[in-house]
């Protein structure tokens, strides 16, 4: 069975600006989400859907995750 994990990330947060790039213990907040998804081994495919170039630039750190551009 194939199980898809989707992580939807907006560039402009309304509540806390730039929250995905807040550093906690020298790691971005979004990194915790992706690391847990990978380490869980529950998913056969992990996709990040985002309108942010900065988030898509994380692709180099996450070879097992696909990043797709979505419209604002």
N, C-alpha and C. Protein backbone atom coordinates (compact mmCIF):
# COMPACT_ATOMS: atom_id res chain seq x y z
N UNK A 1 0.84 -1.17 0.00
CA UNK A 1 0.00 0.00 0.00
C UNK A 1 0.89 1.24 0.00
N UNK A 2 0.53 2.25 -0.79
CA UNK A 2 1.24 3.52 -0.83
C UNK A 2 0.52 4.54 0.03
N UNK A 3 1.29 5.23 0.85
CA UNK A 3 0.72 6.26 1.73
C UNK A 3 1.45 7.57 1.46
N UNK A 4 0.68 8.60 1.12
CA UNK A 4 1.22 9.91 0.80
C UNK A 4 1.11 10.83 2.00
N UNK A 5 2.19 11.56 2.27
CA UNK A 5 2.19 12.59 3.30
C UNK A 5 2.32 13.93 2.59
N UNK A 6 1.37 14.82 2.83
CA UNK A 6 1.47 16.16 2.25
C UNK A 6 1.68 17.17 3.37
N UNK A 7 2.62 18.07 3.14
CA UNK A 7 2.91 19.14 4.08
C UNK A 7 2.66 20.44 3.32
N UNK A 8 1.63 21.16 3.69
CA UNK A 8 1.26 22.39 3.00
C UNK A 8 1.80 23.58 3.79
N UNK A 9 2.66 24.36 3.13
CA UNK A 9 3.36 25.44 3.82
C UNK A 9 3.19 26.73 3.04
N UNK A 10 2.56 27.72 3.69
CA UNK A 10 2.41 29.04 3.07
C UNK A 10 3.62 29.90 3.37
N UNK A 11 3.95 30.78 2.44
CA UNK A 11 5.06 31.70 2.65
C UNK A 11 4.69 32.77 3.67
N UNK A 12 3.48 33.30 3.59
CA UNK A 12 3.08 34.39 4.47
C UNK A 12 2.10 33.95 5.53
N UNK A 13 2.62 33.64 6.69
CA UNK A 13 1.76 33.24 7.80
C UNK A 13 1.01 34.46 8.32
N UNK A 14 -0.25 34.28 8.62
CA UNK A 14 -1.04 35.40 9.15
C UNK A 14 -0.84 35.57 10.65
N UNK A 15 -0.64 34.49 11.37
CA UNK A 15 -0.52 34.57 12.81
C UNK A 15 0.87 34.97 13.28
N UNK A 16 1.87 34.26 12.81
CA UNK A 16 3.26 34.49 13.22
C UNK A 16 4.12 34.54 11.96
N UNK A 17 4.52 35.73 11.59
CA UNK A 17 5.27 35.94 10.34
C UNK A 17 6.56 35.13 10.32
N UNK A 18 6.75 34.40 9.22
CA UNK A 18 7.99 33.63 9.03
C UNK A 18 8.17 32.49 10.01
N UNK A 19 7.07 31.93 10.51
CA UNK A 19 7.18 30.92 11.56
C UNK A 19 7.95 29.67 11.13
N UNK A 20 7.91 29.31 9.87
CA UNK A 20 8.61 28.12 9.43
C UNK A 20 10.12 28.26 9.48
N UNK A 21 10.60 29.48 9.55
CA UNK A 21 12.04 29.71 9.63
C UNK A 21 12.49 30.25 10.98
N UNK A 22 11.63 30.09 11.96
CA UNK A 22 12.05 30.37 13.34
C UNK A 22 12.97 29.22 13.75
N UNK A 23 14.08 29.56 14.36
CA UNK A 23 15.03 28.53 14.79
C UNK A 23 14.75 28.11 16.23
N UNK A 24 14.67 26.81 16.42
CA UNK A 24 14.54 26.21 17.74
C UNK A 24 15.65 25.18 17.84
N UNK A 25 16.53 25.35 18.82
CA UNK A 25 17.71 24.49 18.94
C UNK A 25 18.51 24.45 17.64
N UNK A 26 18.65 25.60 17.03
CA UNK A 26 19.43 25.79 15.80
C UNK A 26 18.87 25.03 14.59
N UNK A 27 17.57 24.72 14.61
CA UNK A 27 16.90 24.07 13.47
C UNK A 27 15.63 24.83 13.17
N UNK A 28 15.30 24.89 11.88
CA UNK A 28 14.06 25.55 11.47
C UNK A 28 12.85 24.74 11.94
N UNK A 29 11.77 25.41 12.22
CA UNK A 29 10.54 24.75 12.65
C UNK A 29 10.05 23.75 11.61
N UNK A 30 10.11 24.12 10.34
CA UNK A 30 9.67 23.21 9.26
C UNK A 30 10.52 21.94 9.22
N UNK A 31 11.78 22.04 9.64
CA UNK A 31 12.67 20.87 9.63
C UNK A 31 12.18 19.79 10.59
N UNK A 32 11.63 20.19 11.72
CA UNK A 32 11.10 19.21 12.67
C UNK A 32 9.97 18.40 12.03
N UNK A 33 9.09 19.07 11.32
CA UNK A 33 7.97 18.39 10.66
C UNK A 33 8.47 17.38 9.64
N UNK A 34 9.40 17.80 8.81
CA UNK A 34 9.92 16.91 7.76
C UNK A 34 10.71 15.75 8.35
N UNK A 35 11.51 16.01 9.36
CA UNK A 35 12.29 14.95 9.98
C UNK A 35 11.41 13.88 10.62
N UNK A 36 10.35 14.31 11.27
CA UNK A 36 9.43 13.34 11.90
C UNK A 36 8.73 12.50 10.83
N UNK A 37 8.32 13.13 9.74
CA UNK A 37 7.66 12.39 8.66
C UNK A 37 8.59 11.34 8.06
N UNK A 38 9.85 11.71 7.87
CA UNK A 38 10.83 10.77 7.30
C UNK A 38 11.13 9.65 8.28
N UNK A 39 11.40 10.00 9.53
CA UNK A 39 11.78 8.99 10.53
C UNK A 39 10.65 8.05 10.89
N UNK A 40 9.41 8.46 10.69
CA UNK A 40 8.28 7.60 11.04
C UNK A 40 8.21 6.36 10.16
N UNK A 41 8.73 6.45 8.95
CA UNK A 41 8.70 5.35 7.98
C UNK A 41 7.28 4.86 7.68
N UNK A 42 6.30 5.72 7.94
CA UNK A 42 4.91 5.40 7.64
C UNK A 42 4.55 5.72 6.20
N UNK A 43 5.29 6.64 5.60
CA UNK A 43 4.90 7.19 4.30
C UNK A 43 5.81 6.67 3.19
N UNK A 44 5.19 6.34 2.07
CA UNK A 44 5.96 5.93 0.91
C UNK A 44 6.38 7.13 0.08
N UNK A 45 5.70 8.25 0.29
CA UNK A 45 6.01 9.46 -0.47
C UNK A 45 5.67 10.69 0.39
N UNK A 46 6.60 11.65 0.44
CA UNK A 46 6.39 12.88 1.20
C UNK A 46 6.51 14.05 0.24
N UNK A 47 5.50 14.92 0.23
CA UNK A 47 5.47 16.07 -0.67
C UNK A 47 5.20 17.34 0.13
N UNK A 48 6.02 18.37 -0.14
CA UNK A 48 5.80 19.68 0.45
C UNK A 48 5.24 20.58 -0.65
N UNK A 49 4.08 21.13 -0.41
CA UNK A 49 3.45 22.07 -1.34
C UNK A 49 3.60 23.46 -0.76
N UNK A 50 4.28 24.36 -1.52
CA UNK A 50 4.54 25.68 -0.98
C UNK A 50 4.64 26.73 -2.08
N UNK A 51 4.38 27.97 -1.69
CA UNK A 51 4.54 29.09 -2.61
C UNK A 51 5.82 29.87 -2.27
N UNK A 52 6.66 29.33 -1.41
CA UNK A 52 7.87 30.00 -0.95
C UNK A 52 9.13 29.43 -1.61
N UNK A 53 9.92 30.31 -2.21
CA UNK A 53 11.20 29.88 -2.79
C UNK A 53 12.15 29.42 -1.69
N UNK A 54 12.12 30.10 -0.57
CA UNK A 54 13.02 29.77 0.54
C UNK A 54 12.76 28.35 1.07
N UNK A 55 11.51 27.98 1.15
CA UNK A 55 11.17 26.64 1.61
C UNK A 55 11.55 25.60 0.55
N UNK A 56 11.31 25.91 -0.72
CA UNK A 56 11.71 24.98 -1.78
C UNK A 56 13.22 24.81 -1.84
N UNK A 57 13.97 25.80 -1.36
CA UNK A 57 15.43 25.71 -1.33
C UNK A 57 15.92 24.65 -0.34
N UNK A 58 15.06 24.21 0.56
CA UNK A 58 15.42 23.16 1.50
C UNK A 58 15.57 21.79 0.82
N UNK A 59 15.19 21.72 -0.44
CA UNK A 59 15.26 20.47 -1.20
C UNK A 59 16.63 19.82 -1.09
N UNK A 60 17.68 20.65 -1.08
CA UNK A 60 19.04 20.09 -1.01
C UNK A 60 19.29 19.33 0.28
N UNK A 61 18.55 19.65 1.34
CA UNK A 61 18.71 18.97 2.62
C UNK A 61 17.81 17.75 2.77
N UNK A 62 16.79 17.65 1.93
CA UNK A 62 15.80 16.57 2.04
C UNK A 62 15.64 15.87 0.70
N UNK A 63 16.50 14.92 0.44
CA UNK A 63 16.49 14.19 -0.84
C UNK A 63 15.26 13.29 -0.97
N UNK A 64 14.70 12.84 0.15
CA UNK A 64 13.56 11.92 0.13
C UNK A 64 12.22 12.64 0.04
N UNK A 65 12.25 13.96 0.01
CA UNK A 65 11.03 14.76 0.00
C UNK A 65 10.93 15.51 -1.33
N UNK A 66 9.74 15.49 -1.92
CA UNK A 66 9.50 16.28 -3.14
C UNK A 66 8.89 17.61 -2.76
N UNK A 67 9.37 18.67 -3.40
CA UNK A 67 8.85 20.02 -3.17
C UNK A 67 8.19 20.47 -4.44
N UNK A 68 6.95 20.91 -4.34
CA UNK A 68 6.25 21.42 -5.51
C UNK A 68 5.80 22.85 -5.28
N UNK A 69 5.82 23.62 -6.36
CA UNK A 69 5.39 25.01 -6.29
C UNK A 69 3.88 25.07 -6.47
N UNK A 70 3.25 25.81 -5.62
CA UNK A 70 1.80 26.01 -5.76
C UNK A 70 1.52 27.49 -5.89
N UNK A 71 0.40 27.84 -6.48
CA UNK A 71 0.07 29.26 -6.62
C UNK A 71 -0.24 29.91 -5.28
N UNK A 72 0.01 31.22 -5.21
CA UNK A 72 -0.30 31.95 -3.98
C UNK A 72 -1.79 31.97 -3.83
